[in-house]
Each structure stands twice: as structure tokens, then as C-alpha cells.
C-alpha atoms as a PDB file:
ATOM      1  CA  MET A   1      -5.731 -55.983 -35.251  1.00  0.00           C
ATOM      2  CA  LEU A   2      -8.826 -53.852 -34.801  1.00  0.00           C
ATOM      3  CA  ASN A   3     -11.568 -53.201 -37.372  1.00  0.00           C
ATOM      4  CA  ILE A   4     -10.603 -49.529 -37.311  1.00  0.00           C
ATOM      5  CA  GLU A   5      -7.638 -50.429 -39.549  1.00  0.00           C
ATOM      6  CA  SER A   6      -9.802 -51.269 -42.568  1.00  0.00           C
ATOM      7  CA  ALA A   7     -12.198 -48.391 -41.823  1.00  0.00           C
ATOM      8  CA  ARG A   8      -9.421 -45.798 -41.624  1.00  0.00           C
ATOM      9  CA  LYS A   9      -7.945 -46.984 -44.924  1.00  0.00           C
ATOM     10  CA  LYS A  10     -11.352 -46.911 -46.600  1.00  0.00           C
ATOM     11  CA  GLU A  11     -12.012 -43.382 -45.323  1.00  0.00           C
ATOM     12  CA  GLY A  12      -8.513 -42.025 -45.974  1.00  0.00           C
ATOM     13  CA  VAL A  13      -7.685 -41.429 -42.311  1.00  0.00           C
ATOM     14  CA  THR A  14      -3.933 -41.719 -41.806  1.00  0.00           C
ATOM     15  CA  LEU A  15      -2.012 -42.969 -38.792  1.00  0.00           C
ATOM     16  CA  VAL A  16      -0.588 -39.452 -38.539  1.00  0.00           C
ATOM     17  CA  ASP A  17      -4.125 -37.977 -38.446  1.00  0.00           C
ATOM     18  CA  ILE A  18      -5.021 -40.225 -35.526  1.00  0.00           C
ATOM     19  CA  GLY A  19      -1.686 -39.621 -33.820  1.00  0.00           C
ATOM     20  CA  ASP A  20      -2.037 -35.849 -34.070  1.00  0.00           C
ATOM     21  CA  LEU A  21      -5.487 -36.104 -32.505  1.00  0.00           C
ATOM     22  CA  ILE A  22      -4.431 -38.200 -29.510  1.00  0.00           C
ATOM     23  CA  GLY A  23      -0.921 -36.815 -29.100  1.00  0.00           C
ATOM     24  CA  LYS A  24       0.996 -39.936 -30.185  1.00  0.00           C
ATOM     25  CA  ASN A  25       3.298 -40.666 -33.118  1.00  0.00           C
ATOM     26  CA  TYR A  26       2.174 -42.843 -36.024  1.00  0.00           C
ATOM     27  CA  ARG A  27       4.253 -45.809 -34.812  1.00  0.00           C
ATOM     28  CA  THR A  28       2.443 -45.826 -31.492  1.00  0.00           C
ATOM     29  CA  VAL A  29      -0.923 -45.585 -33.261  1.00  0.00           C
ATOM     30  CA  ARG A  30       0.024 -48.539 -35.482  1.00  0.00           C
ATOM     31  CA  GLU A  31       0.935 -50.555 -32.369  1.00  0.00           C
ATOM     32  CA  LYS A  32      -2.311 -49.602 -30.636  1.00  0.00           C
ATOM     33  CA  ILE A  33      -4.316 -50.756 -33.666  1.00  0.00           C
ATOM     34  CA  ALA A  34      -2.349 -54.008 -33.872  1.00  0.00           C
ATOM     35  CA  ASN A  35      -2.637 -54.735 -30.135  1.00  0.00           C
ATOM     36  CA  GLY A  36      -6.004 -53.160 -29.344  1.00  0.00           C
ATOM     37  CA  THR A  37      -4.520 -50.952 -26.635  1.00  0.00           C
ATOM     38  CA  PHE A  38      -6.313 -47.620 -27.104  1.00  0.00           C
ATOM     39  CA  THR A  39      -7.580 -46.109 -23.878  1.00  0.00           C
ATOM     40  CA  THR A  40     -11.321 -45.514 -23.705  1.00  0.00           C
ATOM     41  CA  ALA A  41     -10.700 -41.761 -23.933  1.00  0.00           C
ATOM     42  CA  GLU A  42      -8.503 -42.169 -27.035  1.00  0.00           C
ATOM     43  CA  ALA A  43     -11.041 -44.461 -28.696  1.00  0.00           C
ATOM     44  CA  PHE A  44     -13.937 -42.051 -28.162  1.00  0.00           C
ATOM     45  CA  LYS A  45     -11.866 -39.113 -29.373  1.00  0.00           C
ATOM     46  CA  ILE A  46     -10.942 -40.976 -32.586  1.00  0.00           C
ATOM     47  CA  TYR A  47     -14.515 -42.129 -33.121  1.00  0.00           C
ATOM     48  CA  GLU A  48     -15.981 -38.655 -32.657  1.00  0.00           C
ATOM     49  CA  ALA A  49     -13.403 -36.958 -34.894  1.00  0.00           C
ATOM     50  CA  PHE A  50     -13.258 -39.370 -37.822  1.00  0.00           C
ATOM     51  CA  PHE A  51     -15.985 -42.018 -37.844  1.00  0.00           C
ATOM     52  CA  LYS A  52     -19.210 -41.016 -36.078  1.00  0.00           C
ATOM     53  CA  ALA A  53     -20.423 -38.703 -38.870  1.00  0.00           C
ATOM     54  CA  ARG A  54     -19.576 -41.414 -41.425  1.00  0.00           C
ATOM     55  CA  GLY A  55     -22.000 -43.841 -39.768  1.00  0.00           C
ATOM     56  CA  TYR A  56     -19.555 -46.270 -38.170  1.00  0.00           C
ATOM     57  CA  ASP A  57     -20.442 -48.150 -35.007  1.00  0.00           C
ATOM     58  CA  PHE A  58     -18.061 -47.468 -32.108  1.00  0.00           C
ATOM     59  CA  THR A  59     -18.038 -51.054 -30.872  1.00  0.00           C
ATOM     60  CA  TYR A  60     -17.322 -52.412 -34.363  1.00  0.00           C
ATOM     61  CA  LEU A  61     -14.317 -50.124 -34.869  1.00  0.00           C
ATOM     62  CA  PHE A  62     -12.607 -51.140 -31.644  1.00  0.00           C
ATOM     63  CA  THR A  63     -13.302 -54.882 -31.884  1.00  0.00           C
ATOM     64  CA  PRO A  64     -10.623 -57.255 -33.201  1.00  0.00           C
ATOM     65  CA  ILE A  65     -10.942 -58.315 -36.836  1.00  0.00           C
ATOM     66  CA  LYS A  66     -12.346 -61.815 -37.112  1.00  0.00           C
ATOM     67  CA  GLU A  67      -9.860 -64.068 -38.848  1.00  0.00           C
ATOM     68  CA  LEU A  68     -11.183 -66.605 -41.334  1.00  0.00           C
ATOM     69  CA  ALA A  69     -10.219 -70.149 -40.416  1.00  0.00           C
END
């Protein structure tokens, strides 16, 4: 799971919002977040549209969440 999951929830960005932007359905977006399989083009598009102006770091958003041991 990528850090973008917690950021999108915090900012009110839905899976449908992201899917509409990149031309995928919400199920595919959910899978891409879970598996970290966004293309570079998709990731930059999402970042620019929803997170750049809100001060998020691109690398942070598309890095896997660190699990506590």
C-alpha cells in the first residue's frame, strides 16, 4: 500500500476522482494503490492534479507505507 492512500483520504480525494483523471475505474485505482503499480505518467498526473498545491512530496506519496513491527 502506498502513502497516497492516507493522503487521499485526508484530502477528500476519491478513488473515482483519481480514476477519472487517469482513465481507469476505481477498482483499478484501488489495486494500483495496493500494489504500487502506477506508471510514472499516471503518478505525475495524480500528483499535479491533487497533491502538489497541498504541499505533498511526490516521492512520499508513491512510496510504500512503512509497517510497524
